[in-house]
Amino acid sequence: MSDLTALATTHLEAAHGSPHGRSAELVLHDGVLRQSVIALTAGSELSEHNSPPAASLQVLTGRVRVTGVEGPEVAAGELVVLTHERHAVSALEDSAFLLTTVTSLNADQLGHA
């Protein structure tokens, strides 16, 4: 079991020591399911990148802006499904989030909720 609050704190501290203002750790890997804690300092970003077949982002602390997602920002305690298009994540303040991804789906699973 992972303590997400402790991981958020640890990675925010590490992000402050990083020249790029970010820190991350893969905390769960089970087949195609992956969950990572990612921390960004205020003003830092994950530049635009491709989306996996399925993904969600839950903000643990702070506020972030995700391009391609409805709404201007995602705040602590909020969960959002990520777009299937290229997107970026910007920290509006020191932030940590849980990124959940499914790395592959077969043709029958694509587009089904």
C-alpha atoms as a PDB file:
ATOM      1  CA  MET A   1       0.000   0.000   0.000  1.00  0.00           C
ATOM      2  CA  SER A   2       1.280   3.470  -0.878  1.00  0.00           C
ATOM      3  CA  ASP A   3       0.760   6.588   1.238  1.00  0.00           C
ATOM      4  CA  LEU A   4      -0.115   9.114  -1.459  1.00  0.00           C
ATOM      5  CA  THR A   5       0.034  12.067   0.934  1.00  0.00           C
ATOM      6  CA  ALA A   6       3.592  11.171   1.959  1.00  0.00           C
ATOM      7  CA  LEU A   7       4.609  10.541  -1.663  1.00  0.00           C
ATOM      8  CA  ALA A   8       3.186  13.916  -2.709  1.00  0.00           C
ATOM      9  CA  THR A   9       5.212  15.654   0.013  1.00  0.00           C
ATOM     10  CA  THR A  10       8.407  13.742  -0.839  1.00  0.00           C
ATOM     11  CA  HIS A  11       8.126  14.455  -4.551  1.00  0.00           C
ATOM     12  CA  LEU A  12       7.277  18.129  -4.085  1.00  0.00           C
ATOM     13  CA  GLU A  13      10.448  18.462  -2.008  1.00  0.00           C
ATOM     14  CA  ALA A  14      12.401  16.660  -4.747  1.00  0.00           C
ATOM     15  CA  ALA A  15      10.822  18.846  -7.432  1.00  0.00           C
ATOM     16  CA  HIS A  16      12.075  21.949  -5.613  1.00  0.00           C
ATOM     17  CA  GLY A  17      15.591  20.519  -5.868  1.00  0.00           C
ATOM     18  CA  SER A  18      15.249  19.654  -9.549  1.00  0.00           C
ATOM     19  CA  PRO A  19      16.358  22.101 -12.256  1.00  0.00           C
ATOM     20  CA  HIS A  20      13.175  21.236 -14.199  1.00  0.00           C
ATOM     21  CA  GLY A  21      10.853  21.643 -11.193  1.00  0.00           C
ATOM     22  CA  ARG A  22       9.444  18.132 -11.310  1.00  0.00           C
ATOM     23  CA  SER A  23       9.735  14.713  -9.722  1.00  0.00           C
ATOM     24  CA  ALA A  24       7.876  11.455 -10.378  1.00  0.00           C
ATOM     25  CA  GLU A  25       7.630   7.849  -9.260  1.00  0.00           C
ATOM     26  CA  LEU A  26       5.823   4.846 -10.667  1.00  0.00           C
ATOM     27  CA  VAL A  27       3.944   3.522  -7.621  1.00  0.00           C
ATOM     28  CA  LEU A  28       1.849   0.751  -9.175  1.00  0.00           C
ATOM     29  CA  HIS A  29       2.423  -1.439 -12.218  1.00  0.00           C
ATOM     30  CA  ASP A  30      -0.052  -4.250 -12.800  1.00  0.00           C
ATOM     31  CA  GLY A  31      -0.170  -5.509 -16.383  1.00  0.00           C
ATOM     32  CA  VAL A  32      -1.320  -2.584 -18.548  1.00  0.00           C
ATOM     33  CA  LEU A  33      -2.306  -0.476 -15.511  1.00  0.00           C
ATOM     34  CA  ARG A  34       0.202   2.086 -14.231  1.00  0.00           C
ATOM     35  CA  GLN A  35      -0.121   4.718 -11.524  1.00  0.00           C
ATOM     36  CA  SER A  36       2.481   7.414 -10.961  1.00  0.00           C
ATOM     37  CA  VAL A  37       2.794  10.279  -8.513  1.00  0.00           C
ATOM     38  CA  ILE A  38       4.066  13.380 -10.291  1.00  0.00           C
ATOM     39  CA  ALA A  39       5.003  16.647  -8.591  1.00  0.00           C
ATOM     40  CA  LEU A  40       5.495  19.991 -10.324  1.00  0.00           C
ATOM     41  CA  THR A  41       6.582  23.274  -8.803  1.00  0.00           C
ATOM     42  CA  ALA A  42       4.504  26.373  -9.567  1.00  0.00           C
ATOM     43  CA  GLY A  43       5.064  27.402 -13.191  1.00  0.00           C
ATOM     44  CA  SER A  44       6.575  24.055 -14.226  1.00  0.00           C
ATOM     45  CA  GLU A  45       4.959  21.884 -16.846  1.00  0.00           C
ATOM     46  CA  LEU A  46       4.922  18.578 -18.616  1.00  0.00           C
ATOM     47  CA  SER A  47       5.128  19.691 -22.220  1.00  0.00           C
ATOM     48  CA  GLU A  48       2.637  18.510 -24.800  1.00  0.00           C
ATOM     49  CA  HIS A  49       2.701  14.745 -25.222  1.00  0.00           C
ATOM     50  CA  ASN A  50       0.633  11.891 -26.638  1.00  0.00           C
ATOM     51  CA  SER A  51      -2.052  10.341 -24.487  1.00  0.00           C
ATOM     52  CA  PRO A  52      -2.182   6.622 -23.699  1.00  0.00           C
ATOM     53  CA  PRO A  53      -5.346   4.703 -24.648  1.00  0.00           C
ATOM     54  CA  ALA A  54      -6.937   5.557 -21.275  1.00  0.00           C
ATOM     55  CA  ALA A  55      -5.829   7.896 -18.482  1.00  0.00           C
ATOM     56  CA  SER A  56      -7.017   9.948 -15.537  1.00  0.00           C
ATOM     57  CA  LEU A  57      -5.407  12.582 -13.355  1.00  0.00           C
ATOM     58  CA  GLN A  58      -6.299  13.140  -9.681  1.00  0.00           C
ATOM     59  CA  VAL A  59      -4.774  16.195  -8.050  1.00  0.00           C
ATOM     60  CA  LEU A  60      -3.477  15.371  -4.572  1.00  0.00           C
ATOM     61  CA  THR A  61      -2.349  18.883  -3.704  1.00  0.00           C
ATOM     62  CA  GLY A  62      -2.270  22.201  -5.552  1.00  0.00           C
ATOM     63  CA  ARG A  63      -3.870  23.173  -8.880  1.00  0.00           C
ATOM     64  CA  VAL A  64      -2.958  22.270 -12.450  1.00  0.00           C
ATOM     65  CA  ARG A  65      -4.144  23.183 -15.926  1.00  0.00           C
ATOM     66  CA  VAL A  66      -4.480  20.384 -18.476  1.00  0.00           C
ATOM     67  CA  THR A  67      -4.858  21.365 -22.102  1.00  0.00           C
ATOM     68  CA  GLY A  68      -7.635  19.540 -23.902  1.00  0.00           C
ATOM     69  CA  VAL A  69      -9.692  18.969 -20.733  1.00  0.00           C
ATOM     70  CA  GLU A  70     -12.998  20.730 -20.120  1.00  0.00           C
ATOM     71  CA  GLY A  71     -12.632  23.429 -17.482  1.00  0.00           C
ATOM     72  CA  PRO A  72      -9.810  25.853 -16.803  1.00  0.00           C
ATOM     73  CA  GLU A  73      -8.067  23.961 -13.995  1.00  0.00           C
ATOM     74  CA  VAL A  74      -8.082  20.876 -11.800  1.00  0.00           C
ATOM     75  CA  ALA A  75      -7.735  21.411  -8.030  1.00  0.00           C
ATOM     76  CA  ALA A  76      -6.816  19.191  -5.070  1.00  0.00           C
ATOM     77  CA  GLY A  77      -9.331  16.396  -4.645  1.00  0.00           C
ATOM     78  CA  GLU A  78     -10.574  16.589  -8.227  1.00  0.00           C
ATOM     79  CA  LEU A  79     -10.348  13.770 -10.764  1.00  0.00           C
ATOM     80  CA  VAL A  80     -10.438  14.262 -14.523  1.00  0.00           C
ATOM     81  CA  VAL A  81     -10.347  11.886 -17.478  1.00  0.00           C
ATOM     82  CA  LEU A  82      -7.567  12.902 -19.826  1.00  0.00           C
ATOM     83  CA  THR A  83      -8.164  13.572 -23.474  1.00  0.00           C
ATOM     84  CA  HIS A  84      -7.143  11.086 -26.124  1.00  0.00           C
ATOM     85  CA  GLU A  85      -5.405  13.957 -27.919  1.00  0.00           C
ATOM     86  CA  ARG A  86      -2.006  15.466 -27.275  1.00  0.00           C
ATOM     87  CA  HIS A  87      -2.054  17.514 -24.077  1.00  0.00           C
ATOM     88  CA  ALA A  88       0.174  19.283 -21.566  1.00  0.00           C
ATOM     89  CA  VAL A  89       0.005  19.751 -17.793  1.00  0.00           C
ATOM     90  CA  SER A  90       1.020  23.053 -16.136  1.00  0.00           C
ATOM     91  CA  ALA A  91       1.275  23.665 -12.395  1.00  0.00           C
ATOM     92  CA  LEU A  92      -0.591  26.814 -11.338  1.00  0.00           C
ATOM     93  CA  GLU A  93       0.917  26.346  -7.866  1.00  0.00           C
ATOM     94  CA  ASP A  94       3.117  23.678  -6.279  1.00  0.00           C
ATOM     95  CA  SER A  95       1.167  20.531  -7.154  1.00  0.00           C
ATOM     96  CA  ALA A  96       1.245  16.751  -6.976  1.00  0.00           C
ATOM     97  CA  PHE A  97      -1.093  14.410  -8.790  1.00  0.00           C
ATOM     98  CA  LEU A  98      -1.786  10.737  -9.306  1.00  0.00           C
ATOM     99  CA  LEU A  99      -1.657   9.801 -12.977  1.00  0.00           C
ATOM    100  CA  THR A 100      -3.432   6.543 -13.829  1.00  0.00           C
ATOM    101  CA  THR A 101      -2.851   5.078 -17.284  1.00  0.00           C
ATOM    102  CA  VAL A 102      -3.753   2.002 -19.247  1.00  0.00           C
ATOM    103  CA  THR A 103      -0.922   1.460 -21.682  1.00  0.00           C
ATOM    104  CA  SER A 104      -2.651  -0.782 -24.217  1.00  0.00           C
ATOM    105  CA  LEU A 105      -6.116  -1.905 -25.213  1.00  0.00           C
ATOM    106  CA  ASN A 106      -7.209  -4.393 -27.821  1.00  0.00           C
ATOM    107  CA  ALA A 107      -9.490  -3.290 -30.662  1.00  0.00           C
ATOM    108  CA  ASP A 108     -12.624  -4.526 -28.824  1.00  0.00           C
ATOM    109  CA  GLN A 109     -11.856  -2.316 -25.813  1.00  0.00           C
ATOM    110  CA  LEU A 110     -11.186   0.947 -27.669  1.00  0.00           C
ATOM    111  CA  GLY A 111     -14.021   3.459 -27.294  1.00  0.00           C
ATOM    112  CA  HIS A 112     -15.941   1.472 -24.652  1.00  0.00           C
ATOM    113  CA  ALA A 113     -16.597   3.017 -21.246  1.00  0.00           C
END
